mmCIF file of all heavy atoms, coordinates in Angstrom:
data_MODEL
# 
_entry.id   MODEL 
# 
loop_
_atom_site.group_PDB 
_atom_site.id 
_atom_site.type_symbol 
_atom_site.label_atom_id 
_atom_site.label_alt_id 
_atom_site.label_comp_id 
_atom_site.label_asym_id 
_atom_site.label_entity_id 
_atom_site.label_seq_id 
_atom_site.pdbx_PDB_ins_code 
_atom_site.Cartn_x 
_atom_site.Cartn_y 
_atom_site.Cartn_z 
_atom_site.occupancy 
_atom_site.B_iso_or_equiv 
_atom_site.pdbx_formal_charge 
_atom_site.auth_seq_id 
_atom_site.auth_comp_id 
_atom_site.auth_asym_id 
_atom_site.auth_atom_id 
_atom_site.pdbx_PDB_model_num 
ATOM 1   N N   . VAL A 1 1  ? -5.872  34.201 41.414 1.00 0.00 ? 1  VAL A N   1 
ATOM 2   C CA  . VAL A 1 1  ? -7.027  33.615 42.013 1.00 0.00 ? 1  VAL A CA  1 
ATOM 3   C C   . VAL A 1 1  ? -7.922  32.941 40.939 1.00 0.00 ? 1  VAL A C   1 
ATOM 4   O O   . VAL A 1 1  ? -8.244  33.528 39.939 1.00 0.00 ? 1  VAL A O   1 
ATOM 5   C CB  . VAL A 1 1  ? -7.884  34.688 42.762 1.00 0.00 ? 1  VAL A CB  1 
ATOM 6   C CG1 . VAL A 1 1  ? -9.163  34.095 43.313 1.00 0.00 ? 1  VAL A CG1 1 
ATOM 7   C CG2 . VAL A 1 1  ? -7.056  35.334 43.894 1.00 0.00 ? 1  VAL A CG2 1 
ATOM 8   N N   . PHE A 1 2  ? -8.282  31.683 41.267 1.00 0.00 ? 2  PHE A N   1 
ATOM 9   C CA  . PHE A 1 2  ? -9.140  30.901 40.401 1.00 0.00 ? 2  PHE A CA  1 
ATOM 10  C C   . PHE A 1 2  ? -10.300 30.376 41.265 1.00 0.00 ? 2  PHE A C   1 
ATOM 11  O O   . PHE A 1 2  ? -10.269 30.500 42.449 1.00 0.00 ? 2  PHE A O   1 
ATOM 12  C CB  . PHE A 1 2  ? -8.336  29.710 39.834 1.00 0.00 ? 2  PHE A CB  1 
ATOM 13  C CG  . PHE A 1 2  ? -7.206  30.122 38.944 1.00 0.00 ? 2  PHE A CG  1 
ATOM 14  C CD1 . PHE A 1 2  ? -5.934  30.424 39.533 1.00 0.00 ? 2  PHE A CD1 1 
ATOM 15  C CD2 . PHE A 1 2  ? -7.318  30.232 37.578 1.00 0.00 ? 2  PHE A CD2 1 
ATOM 16  C CE1 . PHE A 1 2  ? -4.898  30.827 38.779 1.00 0.00 ? 2  PHE A CE1 1 
ATOM 17  C CE2 . PHE A 1 2  ? -6.268  30.685 36.816 1.00 0.00 ? 2  PHE A CE2 1 
ATOM 18  C CZ  . PHE A 1 2  ? -5.030  30.929 37.413 1.00 0.00 ? 2  PHE A CZ  1 
ATOM 19  N N   . LYS A 1 3  ? -11.253 29.731 40.618 1.00 0.00 ? 3  LYS A N   1 
ATOM 20  C CA  . LYS A 1 3  ? -12.432 29.262 41.353 1.00 0.00 ? 3  LYS A CA  1 
ATOM 21  C C   . LYS A 1 3  ? -12.053 28.239 42.409 1.00 0.00 ? 3  LYS A C   1 
ATOM 22  O O   . LYS A 1 3  ? -12.593 28.250 43.525 1.00 0.00 ? 3  LYS A O   1 
ATOM 23  C CB  . LYS A 1 3  ? -13.457 28.654 40.345 1.00 0.00 ? 3  LYS A CB  1 
ATOM 24  C CG  . LYS A 1 3  ? -14.764 28.288 41.047 1.00 0.00 ? 3  LYS A CG  1 
ATOM 25  C CD  . LYS A 1 3  ? -15.784 27.874 40.044 1.00 0.00 ? 3  LYS A CD  1 
ATOM 26  C CE  . LYS A 1 3  ? -17.123 27.585 40.682 1.00 0.00 ? 3  LYS A CE  1 
ATOM 27  N NZ  . LYS A 1 3  ? -18.167 27.246 39.662 1.00 0.00 ? 3  LYS A NZ  1 
ATOM 28  N N   . TYR A 1 4  ? -11.113 27.343 42.130 1.00 0.00 ? 4  TYR A N   1 
ATOM 29  C CA  . TYR A 1 4  ? -10.780 26.275 43.039 1.00 0.00 ? 4  TYR A CA  1 
ATOM 30  C C   . TYR A 1 4  ? -9.336  26.373 43.593 1.00 0.00 ? 4  TYR A C   1 
ATOM 31  O O   . TYR A 1 4  ? -8.956  25.545 44.400 1.00 0.00 ? 4  TYR A O   1 
ATOM 32  C CB  . TYR A 1 4  ? -10.974 24.898 42.399 1.00 0.00 ? 4  TYR A CB  1 
ATOM 33  C CG  . TYR A 1 4  ? -12.397 24.628 42.064 1.00 0.00 ? 4  TYR A CG  1 
ATOM 34  C CD1 . TYR A 1 4  ? -12.867 24.834 40.754 1.00 0.00 ? 4  TYR A CD1 1 
ATOM 35  C CD2 . TYR A 1 4  ? -13.303 24.175 43.024 1.00 0.00 ? 4  TYR A CD2 1 
ATOM 36  C CE1 . TYR A 1 4  ? -14.219 24.603 40.436 1.00 0.00 ? 4  TYR A CE1 1 
ATOM 37  C CE2 . TYR A 1 4  ? -14.607 23.939 42.722 1.00 0.00 ? 4  TYR A CE2 1 
ATOM 38  C CZ  . TYR A 1 4  ? -15.061 24.145 41.451 1.00 0.00 ? 4  TYR A CZ  1 
ATOM 39  O OH  . TYR A 1 4  ? -16.386 23.879 41.137 1.00 0.00 ? 4  TYR A OH  1 
ATOM 40  N N   . ASN A 1 5  ? -8.567  27.313 43.163 1.00 0.00 ? 5  ASN A N   1 
ATOM 41  C CA  . ASN A 1 5  ? -7.199  27.435 43.565 1.00 0.00 ? 5  ASN A CA  1 
ATOM 42  C C   . ASN A 1 5  ? -6.804  28.907 43.731 1.00 0.00 ? 5  ASN A C   1 
ATOM 43  O O   . ASN A 1 5  ? -7.436  29.752 43.114 1.00 0.00 ? 5  ASN A O   1 
ATOM 44  C CB  . ASN A 1 5  ? -6.253  26.819 42.517 1.00 0.00 ? 5  ASN A CB  1 
ATOM 45  C CG  . ASN A 1 5  ? -6.480  25.358 42.258 1.00 0.00 ? 5  ASN A CG  1 
ATOM 46  O OD1 . ASN A 1 5  ? -7.172  24.994 41.318 1.00 0.00 ? 5  ASN A OD1 1 
ATOM 47  N ND2 . ASN A 1 5  ? -5.973  24.510 43.114 1.00 0.00 ? 5  ASN A ND2 1 
ATOM 48  N N   . TRP A 1 6  ? -5.764  29.111 44.542 1.00 0.00 ? 6  TRP A N   1 
ATOM 49  C CA  . TRP A 1 6  ? -5.166  30.449 44.630 1.00 0.00 ? 6  TRP A CA  1 
ATOM 50  C C   . TRP A 1 6  ? -3.709  30.239 44.843 1.00 0.00 ? 6  TRP A C   1 
ATOM 51  O O   . TRP A 1 6  ? -3.214  29.241 45.340 1.00 0.00 ? 6  TRP A O   1 
ATOM 52  C CB  . TRP A 1 6  ? -5.798  31.313 45.691 1.00 0.00 ? 6  TRP A CB  1 
ATOM 53  C CG  . TRP A 1 6  ? -5.775  30.766 47.075 1.00 0.00 ? 6  TRP A CG  1 
ATOM 54  C CD1 . TRP A 1 6  ? -6.761  30.040 47.710 1.00 0.00 ? 6  TRP A CD1 1 
ATOM 55  C CD2 . TRP A 1 6  ? -4.703  30.859 48.021 1.00 0.00 ? 6  TRP A CD2 1 
ATOM 56  N NE1 . TRP A 1 6  ? -6.357  29.688 48.991 1.00 0.00 ? 6  TRP A NE1 1 
ATOM 57  C CE2 . TRP A 1 6  ? -5.072  30.197 49.196 1.00 0.00 ? 6  TRP A CE2 1 
ATOM 58  C CE3 . TRP A 1 6  ? -3.430  31.482 48.001 1.00 0.00 ? 6  TRP A CE3 1 
ATOM 59  C CZ2 . TRP A 1 6  ? -4.286  30.101 50.361 1.00 0.00 ? 6  TRP A CZ2 1 
ATOM 60  C CZ3 . TRP A 1 6  ? -2.611  31.356 49.149 1.00 0.00 ? 6  TRP A CZ3 1 
ATOM 61  C CH2 . TRP A 1 6  ? -3.038  30.690 50.288 1.00 0.00 ? 6  TRP A CH2 1 
ATOM 62  N N   . LEU A 1 7  ? -2.945  31.275 44.448 1.00 0.00 ? 7  LEU A N   1 
ATOM 63  C CA  . LEU A 1 7  ? -1.491  31.247 44.584 1.00 0.00 ? 7  LEU A CA  1 
ATOM 64  C C   . LEU A 1 7  ? -1.032  32.608 45.129 1.00 0.00 ? 7  LEU A C   1 
ATOM 65  O O   . LEU A 1 7  ? -1.510  33.643 44.631 1.00 0.00 ? 7  LEU A O   1 
ATOM 66  C CB  . LEU A 1 7  ? -0.861  31.014 43.198 1.00 0.00 ? 7  LEU A CB  1 
ATOM 67  C CG  . LEU A 1 7  ? 0.647   31.276 43.083 1.00 0.00 ? 7  LEU A CG  1 
ATOM 68  C CD1 . LEU A 1 7  ? 1.455   30.295 43.934 1.00 0.00 ? 7  LEU A CD1 1 
ATOM 69  C CD2 . LEU A 1 7  ? 1.087   31.213 41.634 1.00 0.00 ? 7  LEU A CD2 1 
ATOM 70  N N   . ALA A 1 8  ? -0.127  32.586 46.082 1.00 0.00 ? 8  ALA A N   1 
ATOM 71  C CA  . ALA A 1 8  ? 0.572   33.766 46.539 1.00 0.00 ? 8  ALA A CA  1 
ATOM 72  C C   . ALA A 1 8  ? 2.054   33.540 46.320 1.00 0.00 ? 8  ALA A C   1 
ATOM 73  O O   . ALA A 1 8  ? 2.577   32.482 46.718 1.00 0.00 ? 8  ALA A O   1 
ATOM 74  C CB  . ALA A 1 8  ? 0.301   34.041 48.012 1.00 0.00 ? 8  ALA A CB  1 
ATOM 75  N N   . ILE A 1 9  ? 2.708   34.510 45.714 1.00 0.00 ? 9  ILE A N   1 
ATOM 76  C CA  . ILE A 1 9  ? 4.142   34.481 45.621 1.00 0.00 ? 9  ILE A CA  1 
ATOM 77  C C   . ILE A 1 9  ? 4.632   35.736 46.286 1.00 0.00 ? 9  ILE A C   1 
ATOM 78  O O   . ILE A 1 9  ? 4.183   36.843 46.005 1.00 0.00 ? 9  ILE A O   1 
ATOM 79  C CB  . ILE A 1 9  ? 4.644   34.410 44.150 1.00 0.00 ? 9  ILE A CB  1 
ATOM 80  C CG1 . ILE A 1 9  ? 4.305   33.036 43.574 1.00 0.00 ? 9  ILE A CG1 1 
ATOM 81  C CG2 . ILE A 1 9  ? 6.183   34.619 44.108 1.00 0.00 ? 9  ILE A CG2 1 
ATOM 82  C CD1 . ILE A 1 9  ? 4.849   32.731 42.235 1.00 0.00 ? 9  ILE A CD1 1 
ATOM 83  N N   . ILE A 1 10 ? 5.552   35.503 47.270 1.00 0.00 ? 10 ILE A N   1 
ATOM 84  C CA  . ILE A 1 10 ? 6.070   36.622 48.076 1.00 0.00 ? 10 ILE A CA  1 
ATOM 85  C C   . ILE A 1 10 ? 7.580   36.569 48.008 1.00 0.00 ? 10 ILE A C   1 
ATOM 86  O O   . ILE A 1 10 ? 8.227   35.581 48.341 1.00 0.00 ? 10 ILE A O   1 
ATOM 87  C CB  . ILE A 1 10 ? 5.625   36.522 49.520 1.00 0.00 ? 10 ILE A CB  1 
ATOM 88  C CG1 . ILE A 1 10 ? 4.101   36.293 49.625 1.00 0.00 ? 10 ILE A CG1 1 
ATOM 89  C CG2 . ILE A 1 10 ? 6.066   37.800 50.284 1.00 0.00 ? 10 ILE A CG2 1 
ATOM 90  C CD1 . ILE A 1 10 ? 3.624   35.967 51.024 1.00 0.00 ? 10 ILE A CD1 1 
ATOM 91  N N   . ALA A 1 11 ? 8.177   37.627 47.479 1.00 0.00 ? 11 ALA A N   1 
ATOM 92  C CA  . ALA A 1 11 ? 9.632   37.759 47.404 1.00 0.00 ? 11 ALA A CA  1 
ATOM 93  C C   . ALA A 1 11 ? 10.128  38.651 48.515 1.00 0.00 ? 11 ALA A C   1 
ATOM 94  O O   . ALA A 1 11 ? 9.563   39.763 48.729 1.00 0.00 ? 11 ALA A O   1 
ATOM 95  C CB  . ALA A 1 11 ? 10.068  38.317 46.048 1.00 0.00 ? 11 ALA A CB  1 
ATOM 96  N N   . ASP A 1 12 ? 11.123  38.191 49.207 1.00 0.00 ? 12 ASP A N   1 
ATOM 97  C CA  . ASP A 1 12 ? 11.752  38.976 50.303 1.00 0.00 ? 12 ASP A CA  1 
ATOM 98  C C   . ASP A 1 12 ? 13.213  39.113 49.980 1.00 0.00 ? 12 ASP A C   1 
ATOM 99  O O   . ASP A 1 12 ? 14.043  38.258 50.387 1.00 0.00 ? 12 ASP A O   1 
ATOM 100 C CB  . ASP A 1 12 ? 11.518  38.187 51.640 1.00 0.00 ? 12 ASP A CB  1 
ATOM 101 C CG  . ASP A 1 12 ? 12.087  38.909 52.839 1.00 0.00 ? 12 ASP A CG  1 
ATOM 102 O OD1 . ASP A 1 12 ? 12.807  39.922 52.649 1.00 0.00 ? 12 ASP A OD1 1 
ATOM 103 O OD2 . ASP A 1 12 ? 11.802  38.517 53.953 1.00 0.00 ? 12 ASP A OD2 1 
ATOM 104 N N   . PRO A 1 13 ? 13.548  40.148 49.185 1.00 0.00 ? 13 PRO A N   1 
ATOM 105 C CA  . PRO A 1 13 ? 14.949  40.291 48.748 1.00 0.00 ? 13 PRO A CA  1 
ATOM 106 C C   . PRO A 1 13 ? 15.946  40.410 49.894 1.00 0.00 ? 13 PRO A C   1 
ATOM 107 O O   . PRO A 1 13 ? 17.067  39.968 49.766 1.00 0.00 ? 13 PRO A O   1 
ATOM 108 C CB  . PRO A 1 13 ? 14.898  41.541 47.885 1.00 0.00 ? 13 PRO A CB  1 
ATOM 109 C CG  . PRO A 1 13 ? 13.507  41.807 47.576 1.00 0.00 ? 13 PRO A CG  1 
ATOM 110 C CD  . PRO A 1 13 ? 12.705  41.159 48.662 1.00 0.00 ? 13 PRO A CD  1 
ATOM 111 N N   . SER A 1 14 ? 15.584  41.049 50.971 1.00 0.00 ? 14 SER A N   1 
ATOM 112 C CA  . SER A 1 14 ? 16.516  41.244 52.035 1.00 0.00 ? 14 SER A CA  1 
ATOM 113 C C   . SER A 1 14 ? 16.936  39.904 52.721 1.00 0.00 ? 14 SER A C   1 
ATOM 114 O O   . SER A 1 14 ? 18.038  39.791 53.235 1.00 0.00 ? 14 SER A O   1 
ATOM 115 C CB  . SER A 1 14 ? 15.945  42.193 53.123 1.00 0.00 ? 14 SER A CB  1 
ATOM 116 O OG  . SER A 1 14 ? 14.841  41.571 53.750 1.00 0.00 ? 14 SER A OG  1 
ATOM 117 N N   . ARG A 1 15 ? 16.065  38.953 52.672 1.00 0.00 ? 15 ARG A N   1 
ATOM 118 C CA  . ARG A 1 15 ? 16.366  37.637 53.199 1.00 0.00 ? 15 ARG A CA  1 
ATOM 119 C C   . ARG A 1 15 ? 16.719  36.594 52.096 1.00 0.00 ? 15 ARG A C   1 
ATOM 120 O O   . ARG A 1 15 ? 16.859  35.433 52.365 1.00 0.00 ? 15 ARG A O   1 
ATOM 121 C CB  . ARG A 1 15 ? 15.221  37.122 54.044 1.00 0.00 ? 15 ARG A CB  1 
ATOM 122 C CG  . ARG A 1 15 ? 15.007  37.963 55.305 1.00 0.00 ? 15 ARG A CG  1 
ATOM 123 C CD  . ARG A 1 15 ? 13.731  37.567 56.066 1.00 0.00 ? 15 ARG A CD  1 
ATOM 124 N NE  . ARG A 1 15 ? 13.502  38.381 57.213 1.00 0.00 ? 15 ARG A NE  1 
ATOM 125 C CZ  . ARG A 1 15 ? 12.754  39.503 57.206 1.00 0.00 ? 15 ARG A CZ  1 
ATOM 126 N NH1 . ARG A 1 15 ? 12.154  39.881 56.109 1.00 0.00 ? 15 ARG A NH1 1 
ATOM 127 N NH2 . ARG A 1 15 ? 12.573  40.196 58.302 1.00 0.00 ? 15 ARG A NH2 1 
ATOM 128 N N   . GLU A 1 16 ? 16.709  37.139 50.830 1.00 0.00 ? 16 GLU A N   1 
ATOM 129 C CA  . GLU A 1 16 ? 16.942  36.301 49.650 1.00 0.00 ? 16 GLU A CA  1 
ATOM 130 C C   . GLU A 1 16 ? 16.031  35.060 49.646 1.00 0.00 ? 16 GLU A C   1 
ATOM 131 O O   . GLU A 1 16 ? 16.501  33.927 49.495 1.00 0.00 ? 16 GLU A O   1 
ATOM 132 C CB  . GLU A 1 16 ? 18.392  35.919 49.565 1.00 0.00 ? 16 GLU A CB  1 
ATOM 133 C CG  . GLU A 1 16 ? 19.310  37.117 49.424 1.00 0.00 ? 16 GLU A CG  1 
ATOM 134 C CD  . GLU A 1 16 ? 20.778  36.760 49.302 1.00 0.00 ? 16 GLU A CD  1 
ATOM 135 O OE1 . GLU A 1 16 ? 21.131  35.546 49.338 1.00 0.00 ? 16 GLU A OE1 1 
ATOM 136 O OE2 . GLU A 1 16 ? 21.597  37.675 49.164 1.00 0.00 ? 16 GLU A OE2 1 
ATOM 137 N N   . LYS A 1 17 ? 14.708  35.313 49.826 1.00 0.00 ? 17 LYS A N   1 
ATOM 138 C CA  . LYS A 1 17 ? 13.775  34.181 49.922 1.00 0.00 ? 17 LYS A CA  1 
ATOM 139 C C   . LYS A 1 17 ? 12.560  34.477 49.058 1.00 0.00 ? 17 LYS A C   1 
ATOM 140 O O   . LYS A 1 17 ? 12.070  35.601 49.000 1.00 0.00 ? 17 LYS A O   1 
ATOM 141 C CB  . LYS A 1 17 ? 13.343  34.011 51.344 1.00 0.00 ? 17 LYS A CB  1 
ATOM 142 C CG  . LYS A 1 17 ? 12.446  32.811 51.563 1.00 0.00 ? 17 LYS A CG  1 
ATOM 143 C CD  . LYS A 1 17 ? 12.168  32.564 53.035 1.00 0.00 ? 17 LYS A CD  1 
ATOM 144 C CE  . LYS A 1 17 ? 11.290  31.332 53.101 1.00 0.00 ? 17 LYS A CE  1 
ATOM 145 N NZ  . LYS A 1 17 ? 10.798  31.054 54.411 1.00 0.00 ? 17 LYS A NZ  1 
ATOM 146 N N   . ILE A 1 18 ? 12.068  33.461 48.368 1.00 0.00 ? 18 ILE A N   1 
ATOM 147 C CA  . ILE A 1 18 ? 10.804  33.541 47.648 1.00 0.00 ? 18 ILE A CA  1 
ATOM 148 C C   . ILE A 1 18 ? 9.924   32.443 48.162 1.00 0.00 ? 18 ILE A C   1 
ATOM 149 O O   . ILE A 1 18 ? 10.287  31.278 48.191 1.00 0.00 ? 18 ILE A O   1 
ATOM 150 C CB  . ILE A 1 18 ? 10.995  33.399 46.129 1.00 0.00 ? 18 ILE A CB  1 
ATOM 151 C CG1 . ILE A 1 18 ? 11.811  34.547 45.556 1.00 0.00 ? 18 ILE A CG1 1 
ATOM 152 C CG2 . ILE A 1 18 ? 9.689   33.254 45.400 1.00 0.00 ? 18 ILE A CG2 1 
ATOM 153 C CD1 . ILE A 1 18 ? 12.112  34.468 44.085 1.00 0.00 ? 18 ILE A CD1 1 
ATOM 154 N N   . SER A 1 19 ? 8.750   32.844 48.619 1.00 0.00 ? 19 SER A N   1 
ATOM 155 C CA  . SER A 1 19 ? 7.722   31.888 49.133 1.00 0.00 ? 19 SER A CA  1 
ATOM 156 C C   . SER A 1 19 ? 6.652   31.705 48.087 1.00 0.00 ? 19 SER A C   1 
ATOM 157 O O   . SER A 1 19 ? 6.108   32.657 47.552 1.00 0.00 ? 19 SER A O   1 
ATOM 158 C CB  . SER A 1 19 ? 7.106   32.410 50.411 1.00 0.00 ? 19 SER A CB  1 
ATOM 159 O OG  . SER A 1 19 ? 8.097   32.549 51.424 1.00 0.00 ? 19 SER A OG  1 
ATOM 160 N N   . VAL A 1 20 ? 6.405   30.464 47.735 1.00 0.00 ? 20 VAL A N   1 
ATOM 161 C CA  . VAL A 1 20 ? 5.370   30.062 46.774 1.00 0.00 ? 20 VAL A CA  1 
ATOM 162 C C   . VAL A 1 20 ? 4.306   29.324 47.583 1.00 0.00 ? 20 VAL A C   1 
ATOM 163 O O   . VAL A 1 20 ? 4.586   28.221 48.087 1.00 0.00 ? 20 VAL A O   1 
ATOM 164 C CB  . VAL A 1 20 ? 5.905   29.207 45.661 1.00 0.00 ? 20 VAL A CB  1 
ATOM 165 C CG1 . VAL A 1 20 ? 4.810   28.802 44.688 1.00 0.00 ? 20 VAL A CG1 1 
ATOM 166 C CG2 . VAL A 1 20 ? 7.019   29.981 44.899 1.00 0.00 ? 20 VAL A CG2 1 
ATOM 167 N N   . ILE A 1 21 ? 3.101   29.917 47.701 1.00 0.00 ? 21 ILE A N   1 
ATOM 168 C CA  . ILE A 1 21 ? 2.068   29.330 48.556 1.00 0.00 ? 21 ILE A CA  1 
ATOM 169 C C   . ILE A 1 21 ? 0.837   29.044 47.728 1.00 0.00 ? 21 ILE A C   1 
ATOM 170 O O   . ILE A 1 21 ? 0.144   29.929 47.270 1.00 0.00 ? 21 ILE A O   1 
ATOM 171 C CB  . ILE A 1 21 ? 1.745   30.268 49.716 1.00 0.00 ? 21 ILE A CB  1 
ATOM 172 C CG1 . ILE A 1 21 ? 3.008   30.609 50.523 1.00 0.00 ? 21 ILE A CG1 1 
ATOM 173 C CG2 . ILE A 1 21 ? 0.685   29.639 50.626 1.00 0.00 ? 21 ILE A CG2 1 
ATOM 174 C CD1 . ILE A 1 21 ? 2.806   31.701 51.625 1.00 0.00 ? 21 ILE A CD1 1 
ATOM 175 N N   . TRP A 1 22 ? 0.569   27.760 47.544 1.00 0.00 ? 22 TRP A N   1 
ATOM 176 C CA  . TRP A 1 22 ? -0.611  27.279 46.781 1.00 0.00 ? 22 TRP A CA  1 
ATOM 177 C C   . TRP A 1 22 ? -1.663  26.778 47.802 1.00 0.00 ? 22 TRP A C   1 
ATOM 178 O O   . TRP A 1 22 ? -1.401  25.846 48.555 1.00 0.00 ? 22 TRP A O   1 
ATOM 179 C CB  . TRP A 1 22 ? -0.246  26.108 45.881 1.00 0.00 ? 22 TRP A CB  1 
ATOM 180 C CG  . TRP A 1 22 ? 0.241   26.492 44.552 1.00 0.00 ? 22 TRP A CG  1 
ATOM 181 C CD1 . TRP A 1 22 ? 1.530   26.407 44.100 1.00 0.00 ? 22 TRP A CD1 1 
ATOM 182 C CD2 . TRP A 1 22 ? -0.525  26.937 43.450 1.00 0.00 ? 22 TRP A CD2 1 
ATOM 183 N NE1 . TRP A 1 22 ? 1.611   26.817 42.784 1.00 0.00 ? 22 TRP A NE1 1 
ATOM 184 C CE2 . TRP A 1 22 ? 0.335   27.146 42.345 1.00 0.00 ? 22 TRP A CE2 1 
ATOM 185 C CE3 . TRP A 1 22 ? -1.884  27.230 43.230 1.00 0.00 ? 22 TRP A CE3 1 
ATOM 186 C CZ2 . TRP A 1 22 ? -0.086  27.601 41.108 1.00 0.00 ? 22 TRP A CZ2 1 
ATOM 187 C CZ3 . TRP A 1 22 ? -2.301  27.672 41.972 1.00 0.00 ? 22 TRP A CZ3 1 
ATOM 188 C CH2 . TRP A 1 22 ? -1.408  27.846 40.928 1.00 0.00 ? 22 TRP A CH2 1 
ATOM 189 N N   . ASP A 1 23 ? -2.808  27.423 47.842 1.00 0.00 ? 23 ASP A N   1 
ATOM 190 C CA  . ASP A 1 23 ? -3.982  26.912 48.504 1.00 0.00 ? 23 ASP A CA  1 
ATOM 191 C C   . ASP A 1 23 ? -3.737  26.531 49.981 1.00 0.00 ? 23 ASP A C   1 
ATOM 192 O O   . ASP A 1 23 ? -4.314  25.545 50.470 1.00 0.00 ? 23 ASP A O   1 
ATOM 193 C CB  . ASP A 1 23 ? -4.554  25.684 47.749 1.00 0.00 ? 23 ASP A CB  1 
ATOM 194 C CG  . ASP A 1 23 ? -4.830  25.940 46.311 1.00 0.00 ? 23 ASP A CG  1 
ATOM 195 O OD1 . ASP A 1 23 ? -5.313  27.040 45.986 1.00 0.00 ? 23 ASP A OD1 1 
ATOM 196 O OD2 . ASP A 1 23 ? -4.546  25.075 45.480 1.00 0.00 ? 23 ASP A OD2 1 
ATOM 197 N N   . ASP A 1 24 ? -2.847  27.207 50.674 1.00 0.00 ? 24 ASP A N   1 
ATOM 198 C CA  . ASP A 1 24 ? -2.524  26.843 52.020 1.00 0.00 ? 24 ASP A CA  1 
ATOM 199 C C   . ASP A 1 24 ? -2.701  28.024 52.963 1.00 0.00 ? 24 ASP A C   1 
ATOM 200 O O   . ASP A 1 24 ? -1.739  28.759 53.269 1.00 0.00 ? 24 ASP A O   1 
ATOM 201 C CB  . ASP A 1 24 ? -1.041  26.343 52.057 1.00 0.00 ? 24 ASP A CB  1 
ATOM 202 C CG  . ASP A 1 24 ? -0.671  25.718 53.384 1.00 0.00 ? 24 ASP A CG  1 
ATOM 203 O OD1 . ASP A 1 24 ? -1.371  25.911 54.399 1.00 0.00 ? 24 ASP A OD1 1 
ATOM 204 O OD2 . ASP A 1 24 ? 0.334   24.984 53.400 1.00 0.00 ? 24 ASP A OD2 1 
# 
């Protein structure tokens, strides 16, 4: 978390997926 931006990274190993979510 930053003043003007945020990032979430979510790894889902069972589905072999990594979600990278910037400011959305």
